[in-house]
N, C-alpha and C. Protein backbone atom coordinates (compact mmCIF):
# COMPACT_ATOMS: atom_id res chain seq x y z
N HIS A 1 -112.75 111.76 8.85
CA HIS A 1 -113.55 111.47 7.67
C HIS A 1 -114.58 110.40 8.00
N SER A 2 -115.77 110.56 7.49
CA SER A 2 -116.78 109.54 7.72
C SER A 2 -116.63 108.45 6.67
N PRO A 3 -116.92 107.22 7.03
CA PRO A 3 -116.80 106.14 6.07
C PRO A 3 -117.68 106.37 4.85
N SER A 4 -117.12 106.08 3.70
CA SER A 4 -117.84 106.22 2.46
C SER A 4 -117.54 104.99 1.62
N THR A 5 -118.54 104.39 1.08
CA THR A 5 -118.36 103.16 0.34
C THR A 5 -118.69 103.38 -1.12
N GLY A 6 -117.73 103.00 -1.98
CA GLY A 6 -117.96 103.11 -3.42
C GLY A 6 -118.69 101.89 -3.93
N THR A 7 -119.37 102.07 -5.04
CA THR A 7 -120.06 100.96 -5.68
C THR A 7 -119.19 100.50 -6.84
N ALA A 8 -118.69 99.30 -6.78
CA ALA A 8 -117.81 98.80 -7.82
C ALA A 8 -118.61 98.07 -8.88
N GLU A 9 -118.35 98.42 -10.14
CA GLU A 9 -118.96 97.69 -11.25
C GLU A 9 -117.94 97.60 -12.37
N THR A 10 -117.92 96.48 -13.07
CA THR A 10 -116.96 96.27 -14.14
C THR A 10 -117.47 96.90 -15.42
N VAL A 11 -116.57 97.60 -16.11
CA VAL A 11 -116.89 98.20 -17.40
C VAL A 11 -116.26 97.35 -18.48
N PRO A 12 -116.66 97.54 -19.74
CA PRO A 12 -116.24 96.63 -20.81
C PRO A 12 -114.73 96.37 -20.94
N ASP A 13 -113.87 97.36 -20.69
CA ASP A 13 -112.43 97.14 -20.88
C ASP A 13 -111.77 96.44 -19.69
N GLY A 14 -112.57 95.92 -18.74
CA GLY A 14 -112.04 95.18 -17.61
C GLY A 14 -111.76 96.02 -16.39
N LEU A 15 -111.77 97.36 -16.54
CA LEU A 15 -111.58 98.23 -15.40
C LEU A 15 -112.83 98.19 -14.53
N ILE A 16 -112.66 98.50 -13.25
CA ILE A 16 -113.77 98.46 -12.31
C ILE A 16 -114.10 99.88 -11.87
N PHE A 17 -115.33 100.33 -12.16
CA PHE A 17 -115.75 101.67 -11.79
C PHE A 17 -115.90 101.76 -10.28
N ILE A 18 -115.27 102.78 -9.67
CA ILE A 18 -115.30 102.97 -8.22
C ILE A 18 -116.17 104.15 -7.83
N GLY A 19 -116.05 105.26 -8.55
CA GLY A 19 -116.82 106.44 -8.20
C GLY A 19 -116.40 107.64 -9.01
N LYS A 20 -117.02 108.76 -8.69
CA LYS A 20 -116.72 110.02 -9.37
C LYS A 20 -115.48 110.67 -8.77
N GLU A 21 -114.62 111.16 -9.63
CA GLU A 21 -113.37 111.79 -9.21
C GLU A 21 -113.61 112.90 -8.18
N GLU A 22 -114.55 113.78 -8.44
CA GLU A 22 -114.81 114.90 -7.53
C GLU A 22 -115.31 114.45 -6.17
N ASP A 23 -116.12 113.41 -6.13
CA ASP A 23 -116.62 112.89 -4.85
C ASP A 23 -115.48 112.35 -3.99
N ILE A 24 -114.56 111.64 -4.63
CA ILE A 24 -113.43 111.06 -3.89
C ILE A 24 -112.47 112.17 -3.46
N LYS A 25 -112.28 113.17 -4.30
CA LYS A 25 -111.42 114.30 -3.93
C LYS A 25 -111.97 115.00 -2.69
N LYS A 26 -113.27 115.17 -2.63
CA LYS A 26 -113.89 115.85 -1.48
C LYS A 26 -113.75 115.05 -0.20
N SER A 27 -113.98 113.75 -0.27
CA SER A 27 -113.93 112.92 0.94
C SER A 27 -112.50 112.52 1.32
N LYS A 28 -111.55 112.65 0.40
CA LYS A 28 -110.13 112.29 0.58
C LYS A 28 -109.88 110.78 0.58
N ARG A 29 -110.88 109.99 0.94
CA ARG A 29 -110.73 108.54 0.92
C ARG A 29 -112.09 107.87 0.95
N ILE A 30 -112.18 106.74 0.27
CA ILE A 30 -113.39 105.93 0.32
C ILE A 30 -112.96 104.46 0.36
N THR A 31 -113.87 103.61 0.73
CA THR A 31 -113.64 102.17 0.63
C THR A 31 -114.58 101.62 -0.42
N ALA A 32 -114.15 100.56 -1.06
CA ALA A 32 -114.97 99.89 -2.06
C ALA A 32 -114.70 98.40 -1.99
N LYS A 33 -115.68 97.61 -2.39
CA LYS A 33 -115.48 96.17 -2.49
C LYS A 33 -115.33 95.83 -3.96
N VAL A 34 -114.26 95.12 -4.26
CA VAL A 34 -113.99 94.67 -5.61
C VAL A 34 -113.89 93.15 -5.54
N ASP A 35 -114.83 92.46 -6.12
CA ASP A 35 -114.89 90.98 -6.04
C ASP A 35 -114.82 90.52 -4.59
N GLY A 36 -115.50 91.23 -3.68
CA GLY A 36 -115.53 90.88 -2.28
C GLY A 36 -114.33 91.37 -1.48
N ARG A 37 -113.33 91.90 -2.15
CA ARG A 37 -112.09 92.37 -1.51
C ARG A 37 -112.23 93.84 -1.14
N GLU A 38 -111.92 94.19 0.12
CA GLU A 38 -112.00 95.57 0.58
C GLU A 38 -110.78 96.36 0.13
N ILE A 39 -111.03 97.49 -0.50
CA ILE A 39 -109.95 98.36 -1.00
C ILE A 39 -110.24 99.78 -0.54
N VAL A 40 -109.21 100.49 -0.12
CA VAL A 40 -109.37 101.89 0.25
C VAL A 40 -108.67 102.73 -0.82
N ILE A 41 -109.36 103.78 -1.27
CA ILE A 41 -108.84 104.67 -2.29
C ILE A 41 -108.60 106.02 -1.61
N PHE A 42 -107.35 106.50 -1.68
CA PHE A 42 -106.95 107.77 -1.07
C PHE A 42 -106.74 108.82 -2.15
N TYR A 43 -107.09 110.05 -1.84
CA TYR A 43 -106.68 111.19 -2.67
C TYR A 43 -105.76 112.02 -1.79
N HIS A 44 -104.50 112.13 -2.20
CA HIS A 44 -103.51 112.82 -1.39
C HIS A 44 -102.53 113.56 -2.30
N GLU A 45 -102.40 114.86 -2.05
CA GLU A 45 -101.47 115.72 -2.79
C GLU A 45 -101.61 115.55 -4.31
N GLY A 46 -102.86 115.59 -4.78
CA GLY A 46 -103.12 115.57 -6.21
C GLY A 46 -103.07 114.21 -6.87
N LYS A 47 -102.94 113.14 -6.10
CA LYS A 47 -102.86 111.79 -6.68
C LYS A 47 -103.84 110.86 -5.98
N PHE A 48 -104.30 109.87 -6.74
CA PHE A 48 -105.15 108.81 -6.19
C PHE A 48 -104.29 107.57 -5.95
N HIS A 49 -104.52 106.91 -4.82
CA HIS A 49 -103.81 105.68 -4.46
C HIS A 49 -104.85 104.68 -3.97
N ALA A 50 -104.64 103.41 -4.27
CA ALA A 50 -105.56 102.36 -3.82
C ALA A 50 -104.75 101.21 -3.23
N LEU A 51 -105.15 100.78 -2.03
CA LEU A 51 -104.47 99.69 -1.33
C LEU A 51 -105.50 98.77 -0.72
N ASP A 52 -105.09 97.51 -0.47
CA ASP A 52 -105.96 96.62 0.30
C ASP A 52 -106.32 97.32 1.59
N SER A 53 -107.55 97.14 2.02
CA SER A 53 -108.05 97.85 3.20
C SER A 53 -107.48 97.33 4.51
N ARG A 54 -107.17 96.05 4.60
CA ARG A 54 -106.67 95.46 5.84
C ARG A 54 -105.15 95.44 5.83
N CYS A 55 -104.54 95.92 6.92
CA CYS A 55 -103.08 95.93 6.98
C CYS A 55 -102.55 94.52 7.21
N TYR A 56 -101.32 94.31 6.79
CA TYR A 56 -100.67 93.02 6.97
C TYR A 56 -100.32 92.82 8.45
N PRO A 57 -100.24 91.56 8.92
CA PRO A 57 -99.94 91.33 10.33
C PRO A 57 -98.44 91.45 10.60
N MET A 58 -98.11 91.82 11.82
CA MET A 58 -96.72 91.88 12.25
C MET A 58 -96.44 90.59 13.02
N GLN A 59 -95.55 89.77 12.51
CA GLN A 59 -95.32 88.47 13.10
C GLN A 59 -93.94 88.41 13.75
N LEU A 60 -93.69 89.24 14.78
CA LEU A 60 -92.39 89.26 15.43
C LEU A 60 -92.25 88.14 16.45
N ASN A 61 -93.32 87.86 17.17
CA ASN A 61 -93.29 86.76 18.12
C ASN A 61 -94.71 86.24 18.29
N HIS A 62 -94.87 85.18 19.02
CA HIS A 62 -96.18 84.54 19.16
C HIS A 62 -97.22 85.51 19.72
N HIS A 63 -96.88 86.25 20.77
CA HIS A 63 -97.83 87.18 21.39
C HIS A 63 -98.26 88.27 20.41
N THR A 64 -97.28 88.90 19.74
CA THR A 64 -97.60 89.95 18.78
C THR A 64 -98.42 89.39 17.62
N TYR A 65 -98.06 88.20 17.18
CA TYR A 65 -98.80 87.59 16.08
C TYR A 65 -100.27 87.40 16.45
N LEU A 66 -100.52 86.88 17.65
CA LEU A 66 -101.90 86.67 18.07
C LEU A 66 -102.65 87.99 18.21
N LEU A 67 -101.99 89.01 18.74
CA LEU A 67 -102.62 90.32 18.85
C LEU A 67 -103.00 90.84 17.47
N SER A 68 -102.06 90.77 16.53
CA SER A 68 -102.32 91.27 15.18
C SER A 68 -103.40 90.45 14.49
N TRP A 69 -103.43 89.15 14.77
CA TRP A 69 -104.43 88.28 14.17
C TRP A 69 -105.83 88.78 14.49
N HIS A 70 -106.03 89.21 15.73
CA HIS A 70 -107.35 89.66 16.16
C HIS A 70 -107.58 91.15 15.97
N MET A 71 -106.52 91.90 15.71
CA MET A 71 -106.65 93.35 15.64
C MET A 71 -106.20 93.90 14.30
N THR A 72 -106.53 93.23 13.21
CA THR A 72 -106.18 93.80 11.92
C THR A 72 -106.92 95.11 11.79
N CYS A 73 -106.24 96.07 11.31
CA CYS A 73 -106.80 97.42 11.24
C CYS A 73 -107.17 97.75 9.80
N CYS A 74 -108.23 98.48 9.66
CA CYS A 74 -108.65 98.92 8.34
C CYS A 74 -107.92 100.20 7.99
N LEU A 75 -107.33 100.26 6.81
CA LEU A 75 -106.55 101.43 6.39
C LEU A 75 -107.38 102.69 6.28
N PHE A 76 -108.70 102.57 6.25
CA PHE A 76 -109.54 103.75 6.16
C PHE A 76 -109.28 104.69 7.32
N PHE A 77 -108.92 104.14 8.48
CA PHE A 77 -108.75 104.94 9.69
C PHE A 77 -107.30 105.36 9.93
N PHE A 78 -106.40 105.07 9.02
CA PHE A 78 -105.00 105.46 9.16
C PHE A 78 -104.89 106.96 8.95
N PHE A 79 -103.79 107.53 9.43
CA PHE A 79 -103.52 108.92 9.12
C PHE A 79 -102.31 108.98 8.20
N LEU A 80 -102.16 110.09 7.47
CA LEU A 80 -101.10 110.25 6.49
C LEU A 80 -99.92 111.00 7.10
N GLN A 81 -98.72 110.62 6.68
CA GLN A 81 -97.51 111.25 7.18
C GLN A 81 -96.45 111.19 6.09
N ASP A 82 -95.65 112.25 5.97
CA ASP A 82 -94.52 112.24 5.05
C ASP A 82 -93.33 111.62 5.78
N ILE A 83 -92.77 110.55 5.21
CA ILE A 83 -91.63 109.88 5.81
C ILE A 83 -90.53 109.80 4.77
N ASP A 84 -89.46 110.55 5.05
CA ASP A 84 -88.30 110.54 4.16
C ASP A 84 -88.70 110.84 2.71
N GLY A 85 -89.60 111.80 2.53
CA GLY A 85 -90.04 112.21 1.20
C GLY A 85 -91.08 111.32 0.57
N GLN A 86 -91.61 110.37 1.30
CA GLN A 86 -92.64 109.47 0.78
C GLN A 86 -93.93 109.63 1.56
N ALA A 87 -95.05 109.75 0.84
CA ALA A 87 -96.36 109.80 1.51
C ALA A 87 -96.66 108.41 2.04
N CYS A 88 -96.95 108.34 3.34
CA CYS A 88 -97.22 107.05 3.99
C CYS A 88 -98.50 107.13 4.80
N ILE A 89 -99.12 105.97 4.98
CA ILE A 89 -100.20 105.84 5.94
C ILE A 89 -99.58 105.22 7.19
N VAL A 90 -100.10 105.60 8.35
CA VAL A 90 -99.59 105.09 9.61
C VAL A 90 -100.75 104.48 10.38
N CYS A 91 -100.60 103.21 10.75
CA CYS A 91 -101.65 102.50 11.48
C CYS A 91 -101.71 103.00 12.92
N PRO A 92 -102.88 103.42 13.39
CA PRO A 92 -102.99 103.90 14.77
C PRO A 92 -102.82 102.77 15.80
N TRP A 93 -103.00 101.51 15.41
CA TRP A 93 -102.86 100.39 16.34
C TRP A 93 -101.44 99.83 16.33
N HIS A 94 -100.97 99.48 15.14
CA HIS A 94 -99.68 98.81 15.02
C HIS A 94 -98.52 99.77 14.80
N LYS A 95 -98.82 101.02 14.41
CA LYS A 95 -97.81 102.02 14.06
C LYS A 95 -97.05 101.65 12.80
N PHE A 96 -97.60 100.75 11.97
CA PHE A 96 -96.98 100.42 10.69
C PHE A 96 -96.95 101.67 9.84
N LYS A 97 -95.89 101.81 9.06
CA LYS A 97 -95.77 102.90 8.09
C LYS A 97 -95.71 102.25 6.72
N ILE A 98 -96.68 102.58 5.87
CA ILE A 98 -96.81 101.94 4.56
C ILE A 98 -96.87 103.03 3.50
N THR A 99 -96.00 102.93 2.49
CA THR A 99 -95.98 103.96 1.43
C THR A 99 -97.23 103.84 0.56
N LEU A 100 -97.80 104.98 0.22
CA LEU A 100 -98.98 104.98 -0.65
C LEU A 100 -98.62 104.53 -2.07
N GLU A 101 -97.44 104.90 -2.51
CA GLU A 101 -97.03 104.64 -3.89
C GLU A 101 -96.79 103.16 -4.17
N THR A 102 -96.09 102.46 -3.26
CA THR A 102 -95.68 101.08 -3.53
C THR A 102 -96.25 100.05 -2.55
N GLY A 103 -96.81 100.51 -1.41
CA GLY A 103 -97.30 99.58 -0.40
C GLY A 103 -96.20 99.02 0.49
N GLU A 104 -94.99 99.51 0.30
CA GLU A 104 -93.83 99.02 1.06
C GLU A 104 -93.94 99.39 2.53
N GLY A 105 -93.72 98.43 3.43
CA GLY A 105 -93.66 98.69 4.86
C GLY A 105 -92.29 99.25 5.21
N LEU A 106 -92.25 100.33 6.00
CA LEU A 106 -90.99 100.98 6.37
C LEU A 106 -90.74 100.90 7.86
N TYR A 107 -89.48 100.91 8.24
CA TYR A 107 -89.08 101.05 9.63
C TYR A 107 -87.81 101.89 9.69
N GLU A 108 -87.57 102.50 10.83
CA GLU A 108 -86.37 103.30 11.00
C GLU A 108 -85.36 102.49 11.81
N GLY A 109 -84.21 102.25 11.22
CA GLY A 109 -83.21 101.43 11.89
C GLY A 109 -81.81 101.96 11.65
N ILE A 110 -80.87 101.38 12.36
CA ILE A 110 -79.47 101.79 12.21
C ILE A 110 -78.63 100.58 11.82
N ASN A 111 -77.46 100.85 11.25
CA ASN A 111 -76.47 99.82 10.97
C ASN A 111 -75.43 99.93 12.08
N PRO A 112 -75.41 98.98 13.02
CA PRO A 112 -74.48 99.09 14.15
C PRO A 112 -73.02 98.99 13.74
N LEU A 113 -72.76 98.58 12.51
CA LEU A 113 -71.38 98.48 12.04
C LEU A 113 -70.82 99.82 11.56
N GLU A 114 -71.69 100.82 11.37
CA GLU A 114 -71.23 102.15 10.97
C GLU A 114 -70.52 102.81 12.16
N PRO A 115 -69.47 103.61 11.88
CA PRO A 115 -68.77 104.29 12.98
C PRO A 115 -69.69 105.21 13.78
N SER A 116 -70.55 105.94 13.13
CA SER A 116 -71.54 106.81 13.80
C SER A 116 -72.91 106.45 13.28
N PRO A 117 -73.52 105.38 13.82
CA PRO A 117 -74.81 104.93 13.28
C PRO A 117 -75.88 106.03 13.39
N THR A 118 -76.54 106.27 12.27
CA THR A 118 -77.66 107.22 12.26
C THR A 118 -78.89 106.49 11.74
N PRO A 119 -80.04 106.74 12.34
CA PRO A 119 -81.27 106.07 11.89
C PRO A 119 -81.62 106.43 10.45
N LYS A 120 -82.02 105.41 9.69
CA LYS A 120 -82.44 105.60 8.30
C LYS A 120 -83.71 104.79 8.07
N TRP A 121 -84.59 105.31 7.22
CA TRP A 121 -85.81 104.58 6.86
C TRP A 121 -85.45 103.49 5.87
N GLN A 122 -85.93 102.27 6.16
CA GLN A 122 -85.61 101.10 5.35
C GLN A 122 -86.87 100.26 5.14
N SER A 123 -86.80 99.41 4.14
CA SER A 123 -87.91 98.49 3.87
C SER A 123 -87.94 97.39 4.90
N LYS A 124 -89.16 97.04 5.34
CA LYS A 124 -89.35 95.89 6.24
C LYS A 124 -89.28 94.58 5.45
N GLY A 125 -89.45 94.69 4.14
CA GLY A 125 -89.51 93.48 3.33
C GLY A 125 -90.93 92.93 3.23
N VAL A 126 -91.92 93.72 3.69
CA VAL A 126 -93.32 93.32 3.57
C VAL A 126 -94.07 94.40 2.78
N LYS A 127 -95.11 93.97 2.09
CA LYS A 127 -95.85 94.92 1.26
C LYS A 127 -97.35 94.75 1.38
N GLN A 128 -98.02 95.87 1.30
CA GLN A 128 -99.47 95.95 1.18
C GLN A 128 -99.76 95.94 -0.33
N ARG A 129 -100.79 95.22 -0.75
CA ARG A 129 -101.13 95.22 -2.18
C ARG A 129 -101.66 96.60 -2.58
N VAL A 130 -101.07 97.16 -3.64
CA VAL A 130 -101.57 98.41 -4.21
C VAL A 130 -102.33 98.05 -5.48
N HIS A 131 -103.29 98.90 -5.82
CA HIS A 131 -104.12 98.68 -7.00
C HIS A 131 -103.98 99.85 -7.94
N LYS A 132 -103.92 99.58 -9.22
CA LYS A 132 -103.75 100.63 -10.24
C LYS A 132 -105.05 101.43 -10.38
N VAL A 133 -104.91 102.76 -10.27
CA VAL A 133 -106.05 103.68 -10.40
C VAL A 133 -105.99 104.33 -11.78
N THR A 134 -107.12 104.36 -12.46
CA THR A 134 -107.24 105.03 -13.75
C THR A 134 -108.34 106.08 -13.65
N ILE A 135 -108.07 107.27 -14.18
CA ILE A 135 -109.07 108.35 -14.22
C ILE A 135 -109.45 108.55 -15.67
N GLU A 136 -110.75 108.49 -15.94
CA GLU A 136 -111.24 108.67 -17.30
C GLU A 136 -112.58 109.39 -17.26
N ASN A 137 -112.66 110.53 -17.92
CA ASN A 137 -113.90 111.31 -18.00
C ASN A 137 -114.51 111.61 -16.63
N GLY A 138 -113.66 111.93 -15.65
CA GLY A 138 -114.15 112.27 -14.32
C GLY A 138 -114.56 111.08 -13.47
N ASN A 139 -114.28 109.87 -13.94
CA ASN A 139 -114.59 108.65 -13.20
C ASN A 139 -113.30 107.99 -12.73
N ILE A 140 -113.38 107.32 -11.58
CA ILE A 140 -112.24 106.58 -11.04
C ILE A 140 -112.48 105.10 -11.25
N TYR A 141 -111.47 104.43 -11.79
CA TYR A 141 -111.53 102.99 -12.05
C TYR A 141 -110.32 102.32 -11.42
N LEU A 142 -110.47 101.06 -11.05
CA LEU A 142 -109.36 100.23 -10.60
C LEU A 142 -109.17 99.10 -11.59
N SER A 143 -107.92 98.70 -11.78
CA SER A 143 -107.64 97.50 -12.55
C SER A 143 -107.84 96.30 -11.63
N PRO A 144 -108.35 95.19 -12.15
CA PRO A 144 -108.48 94.00 -11.30
C PRO A 144 -107.11 93.59 -10.76
N PRO A 145 -107.03 93.13 -9.51
CA PRO A 145 -105.72 92.76 -8.96
C PRO A 145 -105.13 91.54 -9.66
N ASP A 146 -103.81 91.55 -9.82
CA ASP A 146 -103.10 90.40 -10.37
C ASP A 146 -102.80 89.45 -9.22
N LEU A 147 -103.65 88.48 -9.02
CA LEU A 147 -103.53 87.57 -7.88
C LEU A 147 -102.48 86.48 -8.09
N SER A 148 -101.81 86.50 -9.26
CA SER A 148 -100.73 85.54 -9.47
C SER A 148 -99.48 85.95 -8.69
N VAL A 149 -99.45 87.21 -8.23
CA VAL A 149 -98.36 87.71 -7.40
C VAL A 149 -98.90 87.89 -6.00
N SER A 150 -98.19 87.32 -5.01
CA SER A 150 -98.67 87.35 -3.62
C SER A 150 -98.11 88.56 -2.87
N PHE A 151 -98.96 89.15 -2.00
CA PHE A 151 -98.56 90.26 -1.13
C PHE A 151 -98.89 89.88 0.30
N ASP A 152 -98.20 90.55 1.25
CA ASP A 152 -98.40 90.24 2.66
C ASP A 152 -99.81 90.55 3.14
N SER A 153 -100.49 91.50 2.50
CA SER A 153 -101.84 91.87 2.92
C SER A 153 -102.90 90.91 2.38
N ASP A 154 -102.53 90.01 1.49
CA ASP A 154 -103.51 89.10 0.88
C ASP A 154 -104.24 88.22 1.88
N TYR A 155 -103.53 87.77 2.92
CA TYR A 155 -104.17 86.88 3.89
C TYR A 155 -105.40 87.54 4.49
N PHE A 156 -105.24 88.78 4.99
CA PHE A 156 -106.37 89.45 5.64
C PHE A 156 -107.39 89.97 4.62
N ALA A 157 -106.95 90.29 3.41
CA ALA A 157 -107.90 90.67 2.37
C ALA A 157 -108.84 89.50 2.09
N ASP A 158 -108.27 88.30 2.05
CA ASP A 158 -109.09 87.10 1.81
C ASP A 158 -109.91 86.73 3.04
N LYS A 159 -109.32 86.88 4.24
CA LYS A 159 -110.02 86.53 5.48
C LYS A 159 -111.30 87.35 5.64
N TYR A 160 -111.24 88.63 5.27
CA TYR A 160 -112.40 89.50 5.43
C TYR A 160 -113.18 89.68 4.13
N LYS A 161 -112.87 88.88 3.13
CA LYS A 161 -113.59 88.95 1.86
C LYS A 161 -115.07 88.66 2.10
N ASN A 162 -115.90 89.45 1.48
CA ASN A 162 -117.36 89.34 1.59
C ASN A 162 -117.87 89.60 2.99
N SER A 163 -117.04 90.20 3.84
CA SER A 163 -117.45 90.56 5.21
C SER A 163 -118.36 91.78 5.13
N SER A 164 -119.26 91.89 6.08
CA SER A 164 -120.18 93.03 6.09
C SER A 164 -119.59 94.22 6.84
N ASP A 165 -118.45 94.04 7.52
CA ASP A 165 -117.85 95.16 8.28
C ASP A 165 -116.83 95.89 7.43
N LEU A 166 -117.27 96.49 6.33
CA LEU A 166 -116.40 97.10 5.33
C LEU A 166 -115.41 98.09 5.92
N ALA A 167 -115.83 98.98 6.76
CA ALA A 167 -114.92 100.03 7.24
C ALA A 167 -114.66 99.92 8.74
N MET A 168 -114.59 98.70 9.25
CA MET A 168 -114.34 98.52 10.67
C MET A 168 -112.84 98.45 10.93
């Protein structure tokens, strides 16, 4: 998909106009800036989803942290995958798996205390900020983010706020 940028404008009821429903359906995903914050809007299997554009960093150790610090990936370039019945985006750099519905980061792990441990998809305990999408009269709108609640993706959303490299 080629990068496509929506024009965000606030409408009287506080919702933010992103673009035309049909245009987003055709492109499958677009990016938009909302108050300087990069957001990617996906159309997948008949539903619209919106998440912060920059993935959260993986802070397993000092080396990985530094790599992730410099290599935050834009969700626009992720690919979609069904994981345990959930539509997820998968980062081509970090291999993060993030659910479109909730922004939950997933990993496949085992419980070594089980007699026959089998891998199961579980929450990492980290989340990408998701944004509420509203469709009205063929237009797509986002609700302003509730910044009183913190998400793991907020750091990089703020770091790249007002950046000119929208879809990098």
